[in-house]
PDB file of N, CA and C in Angstrom:
ATOM      1  N   MET A   1      86.751  85.474 181.671  1.00  0.00           N
ATOM      2  CA  MET A   1      86.726  86.726 180.958  1.00  0.00           C
ATOM      3  C   MET A   1      85.334  87.012 180.410  1.00  0.00           C
ATOM      4  N   LYS A   2      84.657  85.971 179.924  1.00  0.00           N
ATOM      5  CA  LYS A   2      83.320  86.162 179.367  1.00  0.00           C
ATOM      6  C   LYS A   2      82.367  86.719 180.422  1.00  0.00           C
ATOM      7  N   ARG A   3      82.484  86.215 181.647  1.00  0.00           N
ATOM      8  CA  ARG A   3      81.586  86.687 182.708  1.00  0.00           C
ATOM      9  C   ARG A   3      81.827  88.159 183.006  1.00  0.00           C
ATOM     10  N   ILE A   4      83.094  88.580 183.021  1.00  0.00           N
ATOM     11  CA  ILE A   4      83.410  89.981 183.272  1.00  0.00           C
ATOM     12  C   ILE A   4      82.791  90.845 182.186  1.00  0.00           C
ATOM     13  N   LEU A   5      82.947  90.429 180.938  1.00  0.00           N
ATOM     14  CA  LEU A   5      82.385  91.198 179.833  1.00  0.00           C
ATOM     15  C   LEU A   5      80.867  91.184 179.864  1.00  0.00           C
ATOM     16  N   ALA A   6      80.299  90.034 180.192  1.00  0.00           N
ATOM     17  CA  ALA A   6      78.841  89.905 180.204  1.00  0.00           C
ATOM     18  C   ALA A   6      78.225  90.801 181.259  1.00  0.00           C
ATOM     19  N   VAL A   7      78.900  90.942 182.386  1.00  0.00           N
ATOM     20  CA  VAL A   7      78.348  91.733 183.468  1.00  0.00           C
ATOM     21  C   VAL A   7      78.441  93.226 183.159  1.00  0.00           C
ATOM     22  N   LEU A   8      79.388  93.624 182.334  1.00  0.00           N
ATOM     23  CA  LEU A   8      79.597  95.047 182.063  1.00  0.00           C
ATOM     24  C   LEU A   8      78.317  95.770 181.662  1.00  0.00           C
ATOM     25  N   VAL A   9      77.868  95.591 180.550  1.00  0.00           N
ATOM     26  CA  VAL A   9      76.594  96.150 180.095  1.00  0.00           C
ATOM     27  C   VAL A   9      76.353  95.557 178.723  1.00  0.00           C
ATOM     28  N   LEU A  10      75.378  95.932 178.050  1.00  0.00           N
ATOM     29  CA  LEU A  10      74.816  95.177 176.954  1.00  0.00           C
ATOM     30  C   LEU A  10      74.643  95.945 175.659  1.00  0.00           C
ATOM     31  N   LEU A  11      74.042  95.356 174.651  1.00  0.00           N
ATOM     32  CA  LEU A  11      73.959  96.028 173.360  1.00  0.00           C
ATOM     33  C   LEU A  11      72.662  95.907 172.588  1.00  0.00           C
ATOM     34  N   VAL A  12      72.446  96.841 171.793  1.00  0.00           N
ATOM     35  CA  VAL A  12      71.382  96.758 170.810  1.00  0.00           C
ATOM     36  C   VAL A  12      71.984  96.978 169.439  1.00  0.00           C
ATOM     37  N   SER A  13      72.851  97.954 169.309  1.00  0.00           N
ATOM     38  CA  SER A  13      73.423  98.207 167.987  1.00  0.00           C
ATOM     39  C   SER A  13      74.912  98.457 168.081  1.00  0.00           C
ATOM     40  N   LEU A  14      75.625  97.964 167.094  1.00  0.00           N
ATOM     41  CA  LEU A  14      77.057  98.214 167.005  1.00  0.00           C
ATOM     42  C   LEU A  14      77.206  99.572 166.335  1.00  0.00           C
ATOM     43  N   ASN A  15      77.793 100.521 167.070  1.00  0.00           N
ATOM     44  CA  ASN A  15      77.827 101.904 166.601  1.00  0.00           C
ATOM     45  C   ASN A  15      79.265 102.392 166.569  1.00  0.00           C
ATOM     46  N   PHE A  16      79.800 102.558 165.387  1.00  0.00           N
ATOM     47  CA  PHE A  16      81.141 103.124 165.243  1.00  0.00           C
ATOM     48  C   PHE A  16      80.957 104.604 164.944  1.00  0.00           C
ATOM     49  N   CYS A  17      81.322 105.444 165.876  1.00  0.00           N
ATOM     50  CA  CYS A  17      80.991 106.868 165.816  1.00  0.00           C
ATOM     51  C   CYS A  17      81.567 107.611 164.624  1.00  0.00           C
ATOM     52  N   TYR A  18      82.807 107.374 164.287  1.00  0.00           N
ATOM     53  CA  TYR A  18      83.432 108.189 163.256  1.00  0.00           C
ATOM     54  C   TYR A  18      83.844 107.376 162.034  1.00  0.00           C
ATOM     55  N   ALA A  19      83.267 106.216 161.867  1.00  0.00           N
ATOM     56  CA  ALA A  19      83.628 105.388 160.725  1.00  0.00           C
ATOM     57  C   ALA A  19      82.370 104.889 160.032  1.00  0.00           C
ATOM     58  N   GLU A  20      82.420 104.845 158.731  1.00  0.00           N
ATOM     59  CA  GLU A  20      81.312 104.282 157.973  1.00  0.00           C
ATOM     60  C   GLU A  20      81.684 102.851 157.613  1.00  0.00           C
ATOM     61  N   ILE A  21      80.869 101.917 158.044  1.00  0.00           N
ATOM     62  CA  ILE A  21      81.147 100.512 157.798  1.00  0.00           C
ATOM     63  C   ILE A  21      79.946  99.909 157.084  1.00  0.00           C
ATOM     64  N   LYS A  22      80.204  99.324 155.934  1.00  0.00           N
ATOM     65  CA  LYS A  22      79.130  98.700 155.163  1.00  0.00           C
ATOM     66  C   LYS A  22      79.317  97.189 155.226  1.00  0.00           C
ATOM     67  N   LEU A  23      78.260  96.488 155.593  1.00  0.00           N
ATOM     68  CA  LEU A  23      78.304  95.041 155.698  1.00  0.00           C
ATOM     69  C   LEU A  23      77.257  94.415 154.794  1.00  0.00           C
ATOM     70  N   GLU A  24      77.593  93.278 154.260  1.00  0.00           N
ATOM     71  CA  GLU A  24      76.626  92.490 153.513  1.00  0.00           C
ATOM     72  C   GLU A  24      75.752  91.740 154.520  1.00  0.00           C
ATOM     73  N   LYS A  25      74.525  91.488 154.160  1.00  0.00           N
ATOM     74  CA  LYS A  25      73.632  90.729 155.020  1.00  0.00           C
ATOM     75  C   LYS A  25      74.268  89.374 155.332  1.00  0.00           C
ATOM     76  N   GLY A  26      74.325  89.016 156.591  1.00  0.00           N
ATOM     77  CA  GLY A  26      74.889  87.741 157.019  1.00  0.00           C
ATOM     78  C   GLY A  26      76.391  87.750 157.207  1.00  0.00           C
ATOM     79  N   ALA A  27      77.044  88.883 156.935  1.00  0.00           N
ATOM     80  CA  ALA A  27      78.498  88.964 157.083  1.00  0.00           C
ATOM     81  C   ALA A  27      78.875  89.086 158.563  1.00  0.00           C
ATOM     82  N   ASP A  28      80.080  88.635 158.884  1.00  0.00           N
ATOM     83  CA  ASP A  28      80.598  88.808 160.237  1.00  0.00           C
ATOM     84  C   ASP A  28      80.865  90.288 160.505  1.00  0.00           C
ATOM     85  N   ALA A  29      80.775  90.674 161.756  1.00  0.00           N
ATOM     86  CA  ALA A  29      81.127  92.033 162.148  1.00  0.00           C
ATOM     87  C   ALA A  29      82.625  92.232 161.943  1.00  0.00           C
ATOM     88  N   PRO A  30      83.039  93.442 161.629  1.00  0.00           N
ATOM     89  CA  PRO A  30      84.474  93.702 161.496  1.00  0.00           C
ATOM     90  C   PRO A  30      85.177  93.452 162.826  1.00  0.00           C
ATOM     91  N   ASP A  31      86.375  92.922 162.757  1.00  0.00           N
ATOM     92  CA  ASP A  31      87.116  92.640 163.980  1.00  0.00           C
ATOM     93  C   ASP A  31      87.675  93.936 164.560  1.00  0.00           C
ATOM     94  N   PHE A  32      87.760  94.001 165.869  1.00  0.00           N
ATOM     95  CA  PHE A  32      88.399  95.118 166.547  1.00  0.00           C
ATOM     96  C   PHE A  32      88.883  94.642 167.901  1.00  0.00           C
ATOM     97  N   SER A  33      89.734  95.437 168.509  1.00  0.00           N
ATOM     98  CA  SER A  33      90.215  95.100 169.850  1.00  0.00           C
ATOM     99  C   SER A  33      90.153  96.346 170.727  1.00  0.00           C
ATOM    100  N   LEU A  34      89.891  96.101 171.998  1.00  0.00           N
ATOM    101  CA  LEU A  34      89.828  97.151 173.010  1.00  0.00           C
ATOM    102  C   LEU A  34      90.446  96.603 174.292  1.00  0.00           C
ATOM    103  N   TYR A  35      90.693  97.482 175.219  1.00  0.00           N
ATOM    104  CA  TYR A  35      91.212  97.047 176.515  1.00  0.00           C
ATOM    105  C   TYR A  35      90.108  97.115 177.560  1.00  0.00           C
ATOM    106  N   GLU A  36      90.019  96.063 178.367  1.00  0.00           N
ATOM    107  CA  GLU A  36      89.060  96.032 179.468  1.00  0.00           C
ATOM    108  C   GLU A  36      89.467  97.032 180.535  1.00  0.00           C
ATOM    109  N   ILE A  37      88.591  97.240 181.479  1.00  0.00           N
ATOM    110  CA  ILE A  37      88.853  98.152 182.587  1.00  0.00           C
ATOM    111  C   ILE A  37      90.147  97.770 183.315  1.00  0.00           C
ATOM    112  N   LYS A  38      90.391  96.488 183.454  1.00  0.00           N
ATOM    113  CA  LYS A  38      91.585  96.016 184.166  1.00  0.00           C
ATOM    114  C   LYS A  38      92.828  95.968 183.277  1.00  0.00           C
ATOM    115  N   GLY A  39      92.704  96.409 182.017  1.00  0.00           N
ATOM    116  CA  GLY A  39      93.860  96.507 181.142  1.00  0.00           C
ATOM    117  C   GLY A  39      94.113  95.322 180.229  1.00  0.00           C
ATOM    118  N   LYS A  40      93.298  94.292 180.311  1.00  0.00           N
ATOM    119  CA  LYS A  40      93.487  93.123 179.454  1.00  0.00           C
ATOM    120  C   LYS A  40      92.893  93.396 178.070  1.00  0.00           C
ATOM    121  N   LYS A  41      93.624  93.007 177.023  1.00  0.00           N
ATOM    122  CA  LYS A  41      93.167  93.230 175.657  1.00  0.00           C
ATOM    123  C   LYS A  41      92.064  92.241 175.308  1.00  0.00           C
ATOM    124  N   MET A  42      90.978  92.750 174.704  1.00  0.00           N
ATOM    125  CA  MET A  42      89.855  91.932 174.269  1.00  0.00           C
ATOM    126  C   MET A  42      89.733  92.068 172.762  1.00  0.00           C
ATOM    127  N   VAL A  43      89.661  90.949 172.048  1.00  0.00           N
ATOM    128  CA  VAL A  43      89.567  90.943 170.590  1.00  0.00           C
ATOM    129  C   VAL A  43      88.237  90.303 170.209  1.00  0.00           C
ATOM    130  N   LEU A  44      87.446  91.002 169.402  1.00  0.00           N
ATOM    131  CA  LEU A  44      86.117  90.507 169.052  1.00  0.00           C
ATOM    132  C   LEU A  44      86.176  89.125 168.410  1.00  0.00           C
ATOM    133  N   LYS A  45      87.113  88.899 167.508  1.00  0.00           N
ATOM    134  CA  LYS A  45      87.145  87.616 166.792  1.00  0.00           C
ATOM    135  C   LYS A  45      87.357  86.425 167.729  1.00  0.00           C
ATOM    136  N   SER A  46      87.835  86.668 168.940  1.00  0.00           N
ATOM    137  CA  SER A  46      88.023  85.564 169.878  1.00  0.00           C
ATOM    138  C   SER A  46      86.690  84.988 170.356  1.00  0.00           C
ATOM    139  N   PHE A  47      85.590  85.681 170.089  1.00  0.00           N
ATOM    140  CA  PHE A  47      84.264  85.216 170.501  1.00  0.00           C
ATOM    141  C   PHE A  47      83.470  84.604 169.348  1.00  0.00           C
ATOM    142  N   ARG A  48      84.040  84.514 168.168  1.00  0.00           N
ATOM    143  CA  ARG A  48      83.300  84.058 166.986  1.00  0.00           C
ATOM    144  C   ARG A  48      82.788  82.627 167.104  1.00  0.00           C
ATOM    145  N   ASP A  49      83.468  81.790 167.857  1.00  0.00           N
ATOM    146  CA  ASP A  49      83.038  80.397 167.992  1.00  0.00           C
ATOM    147  C   ASP A  49      82.221  80.164 169.245  1.00  0.00           C
ATOM    148  N   SER A  50      81.818  81.239 169.918  1.00  0.00           N
ATOM    149  CA  SER A  50      81.056  81.073 171.151  1.00  0.00           C
ATOM    150  C   SER A  50      79.634  81.574 170.951  1.00  0.00           C
ATOM    151  N   LYS A  51      79.102  82.192 171.949  1.00  0.00           N
ATOM    152  CA  LYS A  51      77.727  82.678 171.925  1.00  0.00           C
ATOM    153  C   LYS A  51      77.558  83.826 170.925  1.00  0.00           C
ATOM    154  N   ILE A  52      76.317  84.205 170.730  1.00  0.00           N
ATOM    155  CA  ILE A  52      76.011  85.438 170.003  1.00  0.00           C
ATOM    156  C   ILE A  52      76.558  86.582 170.846  1.00  0.00           C
ATOM    157  N   VAL A  53      77.150  87.564 170.213  1.00  0.00           N
ATOM    158  CA  VAL A  53      77.705  88.711 170.938  1.00  0.00           C
ATOM    159  C   VAL A  53      76.868  89.943 170.624  1.00  0.00           C
ATOM    160  N   LEU A  54      76.335  90.558 171.670  1.00  0.00           N
ATOM    161  CA  LEU A  54      75.580  91.797 171.543  1.00  0.00           C
ATOM    162  C   LEU A  54      76.452  92.905 172.108  1.00  0.00           C
ATOM    163  N   ILE A  55      76.629  93.985 171.352  1.00  0.00           N
ATOM    164  CA  ILE A  55      77.515  95.058 171.774  1.00  0.00           C
ATOM    165  C   ILE A  55      76.715  96.345 171.929  1.00  0.00           C
ATOM    166  N   ASN A  56      76.890  96.988 173.071  1.00  0.00           N
ATOM    167  CA  ASN A  56      76.258  98.283 173.307  1.00  0.00           C
ATOM    168  C   ASN A  56      77.355  99.322 173.478  1.00  0.00           C
ATOM    169  N   VAL A  57      77.383 100.308 172.586  1.00  0.00           N
ATOM    170  CA  VAL A  57      78.322 101.417 172.698  1.00  0.00           C
ATOM    171  C   VAL A  57      77.556 102.554 173.358  1.00  0.00           C
ATOM    172  N   PHE A  58      78.087 103.059 174.487  1.00  0.00           N
ATOM    173  CA  PHE A  58      77.332 104.033 175.262  1.00  0.00           C
ATOM    174  C   PHE A  58      78.246 105.045 175.933  1.00  0.00           C
ATOM    175  N   SER A  59      77.637 106.045 176.526  1.00  0.00           N
ATOM    176  CA  SER A  59      78.330 107.015 177.354  1.00  0.00           C
ATOM    177  C   SER A  59      77.509 107.195 178.624  1.00  0.00           C
ATOM    178  N   THR A  60      78.174 107.304 179.740  1.00  0.00           N
ATOM    179  CA  THR A  60      77.448 107.470 180.999  1.00  0.00           C
ATOM    180  C   THR A  60      76.813 108.854 181.108  1.00  0.00           C
ATOM    181  N   SER A  61      77.202 109.780 180.242  1.00  0.00           N
ATOM    182  CA  SER A  61      76.587 111.107 180.255  1.00  0.00           C
ATOM    183  C   SER A  61      75.425 111.216 179.262  1.00  0.00           C
ATOM    184  N   CYS A  62      75.129 110.128 178.568  1.00  0.00           N
ATOM    185  CA  CYS A  62      74.068 110.102 177.559  1.00  0.00           C
ATOM    186  C   CYS A  62      72.746 109.690 178.217  1.00  0.00           C
ATOM    187  N   GLU A  63      71.771 110.598 178.210  1.00  0.00           N
ATOM    188  CA  GLU A  63      70.486 110.308 178.850  1.00  0.00           C
ATOM    189  C   GLU A  63      69.758 109.120 178.207  1.00  0.00           C
ATOM    190  N   PRO A  64      69.666 109.031 176.877  1.00  0.00           N
ATOM    191  CA  PRO A  64      69.027 107.850 176.282  1.00  0.00           C
ATOM    192  C   PRO A  64      69.757 106.549 176.651  1.00  0.00           C
ATOM    193  N   CYS A  65      71.083 106.619 176.768  1.00  0.00           N
ATOM    194  CA  CYS A  65      71.855 105.432 177.159  1.00  0.00           C
ATOM    195  C   CYS A  65      71.460 104.987 178.568  1.00  0.00           C
ATOM    196  N   LYS A  66      71.296 105.939 179.462  1.00  0.00           N
ATOM    197  CA  LYS A  66      70.898 105.621 180.839  1.00  0.00           C
ATOM    198  C   LYS A  66      69.502 104.995 180.872  1.00  0.00           C
ATOM    199  N   LYS A  67      68.608 105.493 180.022  1.00  0.00           N
ATOM    200  CA  LYS A  67      67.232 104.990 180.007  1.00  0.00           C
ATOM    201  C   LYS A  67      67.135 103.564 179.459  1.00  0.00           C
ATOM    202  N   GLU A  68      68.067 103.183 178.575  1.00  0.00           N
ATOM    203  CA  GLU A  68      67.988 101.843 177.991  1.00  0.00           C
ATOM    204  C   GLU A  68      68.597 100.766 178.880  1.00  0.00           C
ATOM    205  N   LEU A  69      69.374 101.143 179.878  1.00  0.00           N
ATOM    206  CA  LEU A  69      70.040 100.153 180.726  1.00  0.00           C
ATOM    207  C   LEU A  69      69.101  99.162 181.412  1.00  0.00           C
ATOM    208  N   PRO A  70      67.980  99.594 181.991  1.00  0.00           N
ATOM    209  CA  PRO A  70      67.093  98.607 182.614  1.00  0.00           C
ATOM    210  C   PRO A  70      66.606  97.544 181.628  1.00  0.00           C
ATOM    211  N   GLY A  71      66.383  97.936 180.380  1.00  0.00           N
ATOM    212  CA  GLY A  71      65.981  96.970 179.363  1.00  0.00           C
ATOM    213  C   GLY A  71      67.078  95.955 179.085  1.00  0.00           C
ATOM    214  N   PHE A  72      68.326  96.410 179.069  1.00  0.00           N
ATOM    215  CA  PHE A  72      69.444  95.496 178.867  1.00  0.00           C
ATOM    216  C   PHE A  72      69.587  94.524 180.032  1.00  0.00           C
ATOM    217  N   VAL A  73      69.336  95.004 181.227  1.00  0.00           N
ATOM    218  CA  VAL A  73      69.412  94.127 182.407  1.00  0.00           C
ATOM    219  C   VAL A  73      68.359  93.024 182.284  1.00  0.00           C
ATOM    220  N   LYS A  74      67.167  93.373 181.851  1.00  0.00           N
ATOM    221  CA  LYS A  74      66.114  92.370 181.659  1.00  0.00           C
ATOM    222  C   LYS A  74      66.509  91.364 180.574  1.00  0.00           C
ATOM    223  N   LEU A  75      67.041  91.870 179.462  1.00  0.00           N
ATOM    224  CA  LEU A  75      67.499  90.967 178.396  1.00  0.00           C
ATOM    225  C   LEU A  75      68.595  90.035 178.893  1.00  0.00           C
ATOM    226  N   TYR A  76      69.524  90.581 179.659  1.00  0.00           N
ATOM    227  CA  TYR A  76      70.603  89.759 180.206  1.00  0.00           C
ATOM    228  C   TYR A  76      70.037  88.646 181.084  1.00  0.00           C
ATOM    229  N   ASP A  77      69.103  88.989 181.947  1.00  0.00           N
ATOM    230  CA  ASP A  77      68.507  87.983 182.835  1.00  0.00           C
ATOM    231  C   ASP A  77      67.860  86.846 182.040  1.00  0.00           C
ATOM    232  N   ILE A  78      67.268  87.171 180.906  1.00  0.00           N
ATOM    233  CA  ILE A  78      66.586  86.166 180.085  1.00  0.00           C
ATOM    234  C   ILE A  78      67.560  85.364 179.231  1.00  0.00           C
ATOM    235  N   TYR A  79      68.538  86.043 178.605  1.00  0.00           N
ATOM    236  CA  TYR A  79      69.373  85.406 177.581  1.00  0.00           C
ATOM    237  C   TYR A  79      70.837  85.195 177.971  1.00  0.00           C
ATOM    238  N   LYS A  80      71.184  85.355 179.244  1.00  0.00           N
ATOM    239  CA  LYS A  80      72.596  85.284 179.636  1.00  0.00           C
ATOM    240  C   LYS A  80      73.279  83.961 179.281  1.00  0.00           C
ATOM    241  N   ASP A  81      72.531  82.880 179.138  1.00  0.00           N
ATOM    242  CA  ASP A  81      73.136  81.601 178.778  1.00  0.00           C
ATOM    243  C   ASP A  81      73.343  81.446 177.272  1.00  0.00           C
ATOM    244  N   LYS A  82      72.723  82.318 176.482  1.00  0.00           N
ATOM    245  CA  LYS A  82      72.795  82.197 175.021  1.00  0.00           C
ATOM    246  C   LYS A  82      73.509  83.362 174.345  1.00  0.00           C
ATOM    247  N   VAL A  83      73.623  84.483 175.046  1.00  0.00           N
ATOM    248  CA  VAL A  83      74.166  85.702 174.448  1.00  0.00           C
ATOM    249  C   VAL A  83      75.238  86.284 175.355  1.00  0.00           C
ATOM    250  N   LEU A  84      76.344  86.730 174.750  1.00  0.00           N
ATOM    251  CA  LEU A  84      77.374  87.456 175.482  1.00  0.00           C
ATOM    252  C   LEU A  84      77.087  88.937 175.310  1.00  0.00           C
ATOM    253  N   PHE A  85      76.833  89.635 176.382  1.00  0.00           N
ATOM    254  CA  PHE A  85      76.532  91.050 176.351  1.00  0.00           C
ATOM    255  C   PHE A  85      77.816  91.818 176.627  1.00  0.00           C
ATOM    256  N   LEU A  86      78.171  92.722 175.739  1.00  0.00           N
ATOM    257  CA  LEU A  86      79.402  93.485 175.848  1.00  0.00           C
ATOM    258  C   LEU A  86      79.084  94.968 175.802  1.00  0.00           C
ATOM    259  N   GLY A  87      79.533  95.711 176.801  1.00  0.00           N
ATOM    260  CA  GLY A  87      79.326  97.157 176.840  1.00  0.00           C
ATOM    261  C   GLY A  87      80.629  97.891 176.576  1.00  0.00           C
ATOM    262  N   ILE A  88      80.573  98.893 175.721  1.00  0.00           N
ATOM    263  CA  ILE A  88      81.751  99.684 175.418  1.00  0.00           C
ATOM    264  C   ILE A  88      81.431 101.140 175.765  1.00  0.00           C
ATOM    265  N   ALA A  89      82.076 101.651 176.798  1.00  0.00           N
ATOM    266  CA  ALA A  89      81.851 103.021 177.230  1.00  0.00           C
ATOM    267  C   ALA A  89      82.769 103.965 176.453  1.00  0.00           C
ATOM    268  N   LEU A  90      82.192 105.030 175.927  1.00  0.00           N
ATOM    269  CA  LEU A  90      82.973 106.018 175.185  1.00  0.00           C
ATOM    270  C   LEU A  90      83.445 107.160 176.060  1.00  0.00           C
ATOM    271  N   ASP A  91      83.201 107.073 177.344  1.00  0.00           N
ATOM    272  CA  ASP A  91      83.609 108.138 178.260  1.00  0.00           C
ATOM    273  C   ASP A  91      85.125 108.270 178.293  1.00  0.00           C
ATOM    274  N   THR A  92      85.586 109.499 178.415  1.00  0.00           N
ATOM    275  CA  THR A  92      87.027 109.726 178.478  1.00  0.00           C
ATOM    276  C   THR A  92      87.513 109.953 179.899  1.00  0.00           C
ATOM    277  N   ASP A  93      86.600 110.176 180.833  1.00  0.00           N
ATOM    278  CA  ASP A  93      86.979 110.373 182.241  1.00  0.00           C
ATOM    279  C   ASP A  93      87.421 109.057 182.837  1.00  0.00           C
ATOM    280  N   LYS A  94      88.384 109.110 183.733  1.00  0.00           N
ATOM    281  CA  LYS A  94      88.857 107.902 184.406  1.00  0.00           C
ATOM    282  C   LYS A  94      88.467 107.921 185.843  1.00  0.00           C
TER     283      LYS A  94
END
């Protein structure tokens, strides 16, 4: 499962579009769950004892999102053994 998530796409900032979340420095990220493309439920807290998790929230129609992808690919190539890269697409089209 980690490999599937890692291959998806990557992150720079955790961005919750319609929620204001305040965290203390050094605090864990709030837990959440989403469904993978294949329908399997993914829960963030299940990765707490593994690698660092980088999350990228993006849209395929977002031009800045498209421009940052090559940088994420380079980061993945360098840090894939130390960081789990997770991409969350906000697109509504199927």
